[in-house]
């Protein structure tokens, strides 16, 4: 079996080592190099032509999103998976806009990582069954014409909706509104049910549309 050539780009040495250790035991993947910033990622992609690039977002010189844009313009067949500790909807939209094939949260279980990477490498739709797959594929704008209007929400729900649209985490929303994080989670759960949406990314998409209307 021919291995899938992987380049890792992350400015944190511990993160690079953790990814290396996770992939080393899988014969499907072969690590061809590591980069510590976006500029190195671009140069190493030119030199090594990896099949798959695991790209951290927050890196010096050139960040991961900008590096992804540059790389995908030059090497459209190199698959790029964005790595992040946040499920920021803005980062998700930008990553897909710049051509990334996937988006992985660093906090996810390693087994979920491997399943997702296998699905991406093989071009399988099974990736959508994982959390990361949902973040990638279900963020796309859904038709919200039949969802309830913002006017049907409570003042607190509108506040939370606005903060979610800015990419704030539950913890950040809780701190800004001086409420418990679990309370934020309950509000978001209720919002999803009330608006007939499936996940936080769709909720943010709805908010961006509805709250920015003239």
Protein backbone atom coordinates (compact mmCIF):
# COMPACT_ATOMS: atom_id res chain seq x y z
CA UNK A 1 0.00 0.00 0.00
CA UNK A 2 1.37 3.41 -1.00
CA UNK A 3 1.43 5.80 1.93
CA UNK A 4 -0.17 9.23 1.92
CA UNK A 5 2.50 11.94 2.12
CA UNK A 6 1.80 14.41 4.95
CA UNK A 7 3.31 17.80 5.80
CA UNK A 8 2.65 19.23 9.28
CA UNK A 9 2.65 23.01 9.84
CA UNK A 10 2.40 24.16 13.46
CA UNK A 11 4.53 26.65 15.39
CA UNK A 12 4.19 24.75 18.69
CA UNK A 13 6.77 21.95 19.03
CA UNK A 14 4.58 19.92 21.40
CA UNK A 15 1.69 20.06 18.94
CA UNK A 16 3.93 18.95 16.06
CA UNK A 17 5.28 16.08 18.15
CA UNK A 18 1.80 14.97 19.19
CA UNK A 19 0.64 14.89 15.56
CA UNK A 20 3.79 13.04 14.52
CA UNK A 21 3.29 10.39 17.19
CA UNK A 22 -0.35 9.99 16.27
CA UNK A 23 0.35 9.43 12.57
CA UNK A 24 3.60 7.46 12.85
CA UNK A 25 1.81 4.27 13.87
CA UNK A 26 -0.56 4.45 10.91
CA UNK A 27 1.05 2.91 7.78
CA UNK A 28 -1.38 4.87 5.60
CA UNK A 29 0.45 8.13 6.39
CA UNK A 30 4.06 9.11 5.84
CA UNK A 31 5.39 12.36 7.37
CA UNK A 32 7.55 14.12 4.77
CA UNK A 33 8.28 17.30 6.70
CA UNK A 34 7.30 19.84 9.35
CA UNK A 35 6.97 23.63 9.19
CA UNK A 36 6.96 26.14 12.04
CA UNK A 37 5.23 29.01 10.23
CA UNK A 38 3.11 29.71 7.17
CA UNK A 39 6.03 30.84 5.05
CA UNK A 40 7.86 27.56 5.67
CA UNK A 41 4.67 25.67 4.88
CA UNK A 42 4.46 27.34 1.48
CA UNK A 43 8.13 26.67 0.69
CA UNK A 44 8.05 23.04 1.87
CA UNK A 45 4.91 22.40 -0.15
CA UNK A 46 6.79 23.62 -3.23
CA UNK A 47 9.75 21.37 -2.44
CA UNK A 48 8.01 18.24 -1.14
CA UNK A 49 4.63 18.25 -2.93
CA UNK A 50 2.73 16.55 -0.07
CA UNK A 51 -0.61 14.88 -0.63
CA UNK A 52 -1.98 16.28 2.62
CA UNK A 53 -1.06 19.37 4.61
CA UNK A 54 -2.13 19.75 8.26
CA UNK A 55 -2.13 23.51 8.81
CA UNK A 56 -2.38 25.30 12.14
CA UNK A 57 -4.21 28.65 11.94
CA UNK A 58 -2.25 30.87 14.31
CA UNK A 59 1.36 30.90 13.11
CA UNK A 60 3.96 33.68 12.72
CA UNK A 61 5.08 35.43 9.50
CA UNK A 62 2.13 34.07 7.48
CA UNK A 63 -0.87 32.62 9.31
CA UNK A 64 -2.35 29.28 8.35
CA UNK A 65 -5.34 30.68 6.49
CA UNK A 66 -3.24 32.96 4.27
CA UNK A 67 -0.74 30.15 3.67
CA UNK A 68 -3.62 27.89 2.66
CA UNK A 69 -4.80 30.45 0.10
CA UNK A 70 -1.33 30.71 -1.42
CA UNK A 71 -0.79 26.95 -1.51
CA UNK A 72 -4.19 26.11 -2.99
CA UNK A 73 -3.65 28.63 -5.78
CA UNK A 74 -0.34 26.97 -6.70
CA UNK A 75 -1.11 23.35 -5.83
CA UNK A 76 -4.88 22.79 -5.99
CA UNK A 77 -4.51 19.01 -5.66
CA UNK A 78 -2.75 19.22 -2.28
CA UNK A 79 -5.42 18.64 0.35
CA UNK A 80 -5.28 21.07 3.26
CA UNK A 81 -6.77 20.38 6.68
CA UNK A 82 -6.94 23.37 9.02
CA UNK A 83 -6.06 22.75 12.68
CA UNK A 84 -7.51 24.90 15.43
CA UNK A 85 -8.44 24.97 19.10
CA UNK A 86 -11.56 27.01 18.27
CA UNK A 87 -14.75 26.36 16.32
CA UNK A 88 -14.85 30.01 15.20
CA UNK A 89 -17.36 30.30 12.39
CA UNK A 90 -15.30 33.07 10.77
CA UNK A 91 -12.28 30.77 10.55
CA UNK A 92 -14.47 28.01 9.12
CA UNK A 93 -15.87 30.21 6.40
CA UNK A 94 -12.43 31.62 5.53
CA UNK A 95 -10.80 28.18 5.47
CA UNK A 96 -13.35 26.84 2.98
CA UNK A 97 -13.25 30.04 0.94
CA UNK A 98 -9.48 29.65 0.62
CA UNK A 99 -9.82 26.05 -0.55
CA UNK A 100 -9.25 23.90 2.54
CA UNK A 101 -10.76 20.41 2.42
CA UNK A 102 -11.25 20.05 6.15
CA UNK A 103 -11.16 21.57 9.61
CA UNK A 104 -10.02 19.67 12.71
CA UNK A 105 -10.28 20.74 16.32
CA UNK A 106 -7.12 19.99 18.31
CA UNK A 107 -9.29 19.00 21.25
CA UNK A 108 -10.84 16.10 19.38
CA UNK A 109 -10.08 12.48 20.24
CA UNK A 110 -7.09 11.07 18.26
CA UNK A 111 -9.24 8.22 16.94
CA UNK A 112 -11.66 10.77 15.50
CA UNK A 113 -8.71 12.56 13.90
CA UNK A 114 -7.52 9.40 12.20
CA UNK A 115 -10.98 8.44 10.98
CA UNK A 116 -11.48 11.90 9.58
CA UNK A 117 -8.07 12.05 7.88
CA UNK A 118 -8.63 8.65 6.31
CA UNK A 119 -12.00 9.82 4.99
CA UNK A 120 -10.50 13.01 3.55
CA UNK A 121 -7.56 11.16 1.99
CA UNK A 122 -9.82 8.54 0.44
CA UNK A 123 -12.41 11.08 -0.71
CA UNK A 124 -15.05 9.31 1.36
CA UNK A 125 -18.26 10.96 2.57
CA UNK A 126 -17.88 9.06 5.85
CA UNK A 127 -16.04 12.12 7.12
CA UNK A 128 -19.33 13.92 7.58
CA UNK A 129 -20.24 11.48 10.34
CA UNK A 130 -17.52 12.83 12.61
CA UNK A 131 -17.65 16.08 14.54
CA UNK A 132 -15.04 17.62 12.28
CA UNK A 133 -16.98 16.50 9.24
CA UNK A 134 -20.05 18.26 10.53
CA UNK A 135 -18.06 21.43 11.14
CA UNK A 136 -16.86 21.34 7.55
CA UNK A 137 -19.86 20.18 5.57
CA UNK A 138 -22.81 21.44 7.57
CA UNK A 139 -21.59 25.02 7.88
CA UNK A 140 -22.75 25.78 4.35
CA UNK A 141 -25.58 28.22 4.29
CA UNK A 142 -28.94 26.51 4.51
CA UNK A 143 -32.20 28.04 3.40
CA UNK A 144 -33.43 29.99 6.43
CA UNK A 145 -36.45 31.55 4.75
CA UNK A 146 -38.79 29.26 6.68
CA UNK A 147 -37.05 29.59 10.04
CA UNK A 148 -38.61 31.83 12.69
CA UNK A 149 -37.69 35.51 12.56
CA UNK A 150 -35.32 37.07 15.09
CA UNK A 151 -38.32 38.93 16.50
CA UNK A 152 -39.58 35.60 17.91
CA UNK A 153 -36.54 35.29 20.17
CA UNK A 154 -36.18 36.57 23.71
CA UNK A 155 -33.83 39.52 24.38
CA UNK A 156 -31.29 37.16 25.98
CA UNK A 157 -31.45 34.77 23.01
CA UNK A 158 -30.81 37.69 20.66
CA UNK A 159 -27.79 38.72 22.74
CA UNK A 160 -26.34 35.22 22.61
CA UNK A 161 -27.10 34.90 18.90
CA UNK A 162 -25.19 38.10 18.20
CA UNK A 163 -22.14 36.91 20.16
CA UNK A 164 -22.19 33.50 18.47
CA UNK A 165 -22.16 35.24 15.08
CA UNK A 166 -18.88 36.91 16.11
CA UNK A 167 -17.27 33.52 16.71
CA UNK A 168 -17.20 33.69 20.51
CA UNK A 169 -16.95 30.45 22.45
CA UNK A 170 -19.46 29.48 25.15
CA UNK A 171 -16.97 30.55 27.79
CA UNK A 172 -16.43 33.95 26.18
CA UNK A 173 -20.19 34.49 25.82
CA UNK A 174 -20.67 33.59 29.48
CA UNK A 175 -17.96 36.01 30.59
CA UNK A 176 -19.37 38.84 28.50
CA UNK A 177 -22.93 38.34 29.76
CA UNK A 178 -21.91 37.49 33.35
CA UNK A 179 -23.76 34.16 33.31
CA UNK A 180 -22.71 30.53 33.76
CA UNK A 181 -21.24 28.63 30.83
CA UNK A 182 -23.87 25.90 31.27
CA UNK A 183 -26.55 28.58 30.96
CA UNK A 184 -25.07 29.60 27.61
CA UNK A 185 -25.09 25.97 26.48
CA UNK A 186 -28.76 25.66 27.41
CA UNK A 187 -29.64 28.86 25.55
CA UNK A 188 -27.84 27.63 22.43
CA UNK A 189 -29.58 24.28 22.66
CA UNK A 190 -32.93 26.07 22.87
CA UNK A 191 -32.01 28.34 19.96
CA UNK A 192 -31.14 25.39 17.75
CA UNK A 193 -34.44 23.72 18.60
CA UNK A 194 -36.50 26.89 18.17
CA UNK A 195 -34.89 27.77 14.83
CA UNK A 196 -34.80 24.17 13.56
CA UNK A 197 -31.04 24.30 13.01
CA UNK A 198 -28.60 21.42 13.38
CA UNK A 199 -25.44 22.90 14.85
CA UNK A 200 -23.58 25.98 16.03
CA UNK A 201 -22.20 26.76 12.59
CA UNK A 202 -25.66 26.89 11.04
CA UNK A 203 -26.73 29.05 13.98
CA UNK A 204 -23.94 31.51 13.22
CA UNK A 205 -24.85 31.52 9.53
CA UNK A 206 -28.46 32.31 10.46
CA UNK A 207 -27.29 35.11 12.77
CA UNK A 208 -25.03 36.66 10.15
CA UNK A 209 -27.96 36.83 7.74
CA UNK A 210 -30.71 37.93 10.10
CA UNK A 211 -28.83 40.34 12.36
CA UNK A 212 -27.17 42.22 9.50
CA UNK A 213 -30.33 42.92 7.58
CA UNK A 214 -31.07 46.63 7.00
